[in-house]
Amino acid sequence: MPLNRYKNYLEDEVLDANPLQLIEMLYRGALESIAAAKRHLRSRDIRARSVAISKAMAIVTELSLSLNHREGGEISANLAALYGYIEKLLIRANAEQCEPPLSEAEALLSTLLEGWSRSAGLQSASASADRQGDCPAERREEISCAY
């Protein structure tokens, strides 16, 4: 029964999230999977490690597929290249059964998560100010998201 409640909570969280929050959730999921893969690597649980790395790869692939190259321009192209590099790191970590590529992928995804979190915070602050009428139009900062 508790698992079902967690699943319902997670579904509600996803359904209520805005696009920036969904991206943050994906980054967190990938980071959790990489952390699990590192634990399984240390405990020599090959199957669990492979499952965790595969989950992280699926999330990174989804992030890559969600890019809007037409409107995202250079940022979108750079993110696509970075996601491709992260996927290669994950493949290498799985094939060579080593931790350094996992740590590098984790560091890159953590940096990206931090950037998205800041963007979400700016967007939230801007929306709040708009609702209160405290922010003149000339002081508003436009936020462009390549998704």
Protein backbone atom coordinates (compact mmCIF):
# COMPACT_ATOMS: atom_id res chain seq x y z
CA MET A 1 0.00 0.00 0.00
CA PRO A 2 2.75 2.60 0.82
CA LEU A 3 4.29 2.04 -2.63
CA ASN A 4 0.95 2.87 -4.25
CA ARG A 5 0.71 6.13 -2.26
CA TYR A 6 4.23 7.09 -3.35
CA LYS A 7 3.34 6.34 -6.98
CA ASN A 8 0.21 8.50 -6.73
CA TYR A 9 2.21 11.33 -5.11
CA LEU A 10 4.83 11.13 -7.86
CA GLU A 11 2.17 11.16 -10.58
CA ASP A 12 0.53 14.22 -9.00
CA GLU A 13 3.90 15.98 -8.73
CA VAL A 14 4.63 15.34 -12.41
CA LEU A 15 1.16 16.41 -13.55
CA ASP A 16 1.36 19.65 -11.52
CA ALA A 17 4.90 20.56 -12.63
CA ASN A 18 5.75 23.26 -15.15
CA PRO A 19 8.30 22.46 -17.90
CA LEU A 20 11.27 23.74 -15.86
CA GLN A 21 10.26 21.61 -12.90
CA LEU A 22 9.93 18.55 -15.15
CA ILE A 23 13.48 19.08 -16.41
CA GLU A 24 14.70 19.39 -12.81
CA MET A 25 12.94 16.12 -11.94
CA LEU A 26 14.66 14.39 -14.85
CA TYR A 27 18.07 15.68 -13.75
CA ARG A 28 17.42 14.52 -10.19
CA GLY A 29 16.33 11.11 -11.45
CA ALA A 30 19.48 10.74 -13.53
CA LEU A 31 21.65 11.80 -10.59
CA GLU A 32 19.90 9.33 -8.28
CA SER A 33 20.48 6.56 -10.83
CA ILE A 34 24.16 7.44 -11.15
CA ALA A 35 24.55 7.43 -7.36
CA ALA A 36 22.89 4.01 -7.27
CA ALA A 37 25.17 2.77 -10.06
CA LYS A 38 28.21 3.87 -8.05
CA ARG A 39 26.95 2.01 -4.98
CA HIS A 40 26.28 -1.12 -7.02
CA LEU A 41 29.68 -0.87 -8.69
CA ARG A 42 31.37 -0.81 -5.27
CA SER A 43 29.32 -3.78 -4.07
CA ARG A 44 30.03 -5.65 -7.33
CA ASP A 45 26.33 -6.05 -8.14
CA ILE A 46 26.68 -6.14 -11.93
CA ARG A 47 23.00 -6.49 -12.75
CA ALA A 48 21.87 -3.66 -10.46
CA ARG A 49 24.69 -1.42 -11.73
CA SER A 50 23.65 -2.03 -15.32
CA VAL A 51 20.01 -1.34 -14.54
CA ALA A 52 20.90 1.94 -12.79
CA ILE A 53 23.16 3.07 -15.64
CA SER A 54 20.50 2.13 -18.19
CA LYS A 55 17.95 4.23 -16.30
CA ALA A 56 20.33 7.21 -16.22
CA MET A 57 20.95 6.79 -19.96
CA ALA A 58 17.22 6.66 -20.69
CA ILE A 59 16.73 9.90 -18.77
CA VAL A 60 19.61 11.66 -20.54
CA THR A 61 18.23 10.44 -23.87
CA GLU A 62 14.82 11.87 -22.95
CA LEU A 63 16.44 15.19 -22.05
CA SER A 64 18.16 15.21 -25.43
CA LEU A 65 14.99 14.34 -27.33
CA SER A 66 13.08 17.12 -25.57
CA LEU A 67 15.35 19.85 -26.95
CA ASN A 68 13.74 22.32 -29.33
CA HIS A 69 16.53 22.86 -31.86
CA ARG A 70 14.49 25.28 -33.95
CA GLU A 71 13.95 27.76 -31.12
CA GLY A 72 16.82 26.74 -28.82
CA GLY A 73 19.57 27.76 -31.22
CA GLU A 74 23.12 27.48 -29.96
CA ILE A 75 22.07 26.55 -26.41
CA SER A 76 20.08 23.62 -27.72
CA ALA A 77 22.98 22.43 -29.88
CA ASN A 78 25.41 22.72 -26.96
CA LEU A 79 23.08 20.80 -24.65
CA ALA A 80 22.64 18.07 -27.28
CA ALA A 81 26.41 17.69 -27.56
CA LEU A 82 26.77 17.61 -23.77
CA TYR A 83 24.02 15.00 -23.41
CA GLY A 84 25.75 12.89 -26.07
CA TYR A 85 29.01 13.12 -24.14
CA ILE A 86 27.26 12.14 -20.90
CA GLU A 87 25.72 9.12 -22.64
CA LYS A 88 29.21 8.07 -23.80
CA LEU A 89 30.49 8.40 -20.23
CA LEU A 90 27.68 6.17 -18.98
CA ILE A 91 28.36 3.57 -21.67
CA ARG A 92 32.06 3.61 -20.80
CA ALA A 93 31.34 3.26 -17.08
CA ASN A 94 29.16 0.24 -17.75
CA ALA A 95 31.53 -1.42 -20.22
CA GLU A 96 34.70 -0.84 -18.21
CA GLN A 97 33.02 -1.24 -14.83
CA CYS A 98 34.74 1.85 -13.47
CA GLU A 99 33.66 4.83 -11.40
CA PRO A 100 35.47 7.86 -12.91
CA PRO A 101 33.09 8.22 -15.90
CA LEU A 102 30.13 8.02 -13.51
CA SER A 103 31.65 10.77 -11.36
CA GLU A 104 32.21 12.98 -14.40
CA ALA A 105 28.65 12.43 -15.64
CA GLU A 106 27.37 13.17 -12.15
CA ALA A 107 29.35 16.44 -11.98
CA LEU A 108 28.08 17.58 -15.38
CA LEU A 109 24.46 16.78 -14.57
CA SER A 110 24.76 18.48 -11.17
CA THR A 111 26.00 21.66 -12.85
CA LEU A 112 23.13 21.54 -15.35
CA LEU A 113 20.62 20.94 -12.55
CA GLU A 114 21.95 23.98 -10.70
CA GLY A 115 21.47 26.11 -13.82
CA TRP A 116 17.94 24.87 -14.40
CA SER A 117 17.09 25.40 -10.72
CA ARG A 118 18.28 28.99 -10.93
CA SER A 119 16.22 29.51 -14.10
CA ALA A 120 13.16 28.09 -12.37
CA GLY A 121 13.77 30.42 -9.42
CA LEU A 122 14.07 33.44 -11.71
CA GLN A 123 10.93 32.45 -13.57
CA SER A 124 9.05 31.94 -10.30
CA ALA A 125 10.20 35.30 -8.94
CA SER A 126 9.22 37.03 -12.19
CA ALA A 127 5.78 35.41 -12.18
CA SER A 128 5.26 36.38 -8.55
CA ALA A 129 6.25 39.98 -9.23
CA ASP A 130 3.96 40.08 -12.26
CA ARG A 131 1.03 38.93 -10.13
CA GLN A 132 1.80 41.62 -7.55
CA GLY A 133 2.48 44.31 -10.11
CA ASP A 134 5.83 45.15 -8.48
CA CYS A 135 8.00 44.61 -11.51
CA PRO A 136 7.91 47.20 -14.29
CA ALA A 137 8.11 45.74 -17.78
CA GLU A 138 11.54 47.27 -18.43
CA ARG A 139 13.03 45.43 -15.42
CA ARG A 140 11.69 41.99 -16.35
CA GLU A 141 14.20 39.48 -17.60
CA GLU A 142 13.08 37.18 -20.39
CA ILE A 143 13.90 33.54 -19.80
CA SER A 144 14.34 31.25 -22.77
CA CYS A 145 14.31 27.52 -22.19
CA ALA A 146 15.56 25.13 -24.86
CA TYR A 147 13.06 22.34 -24.40
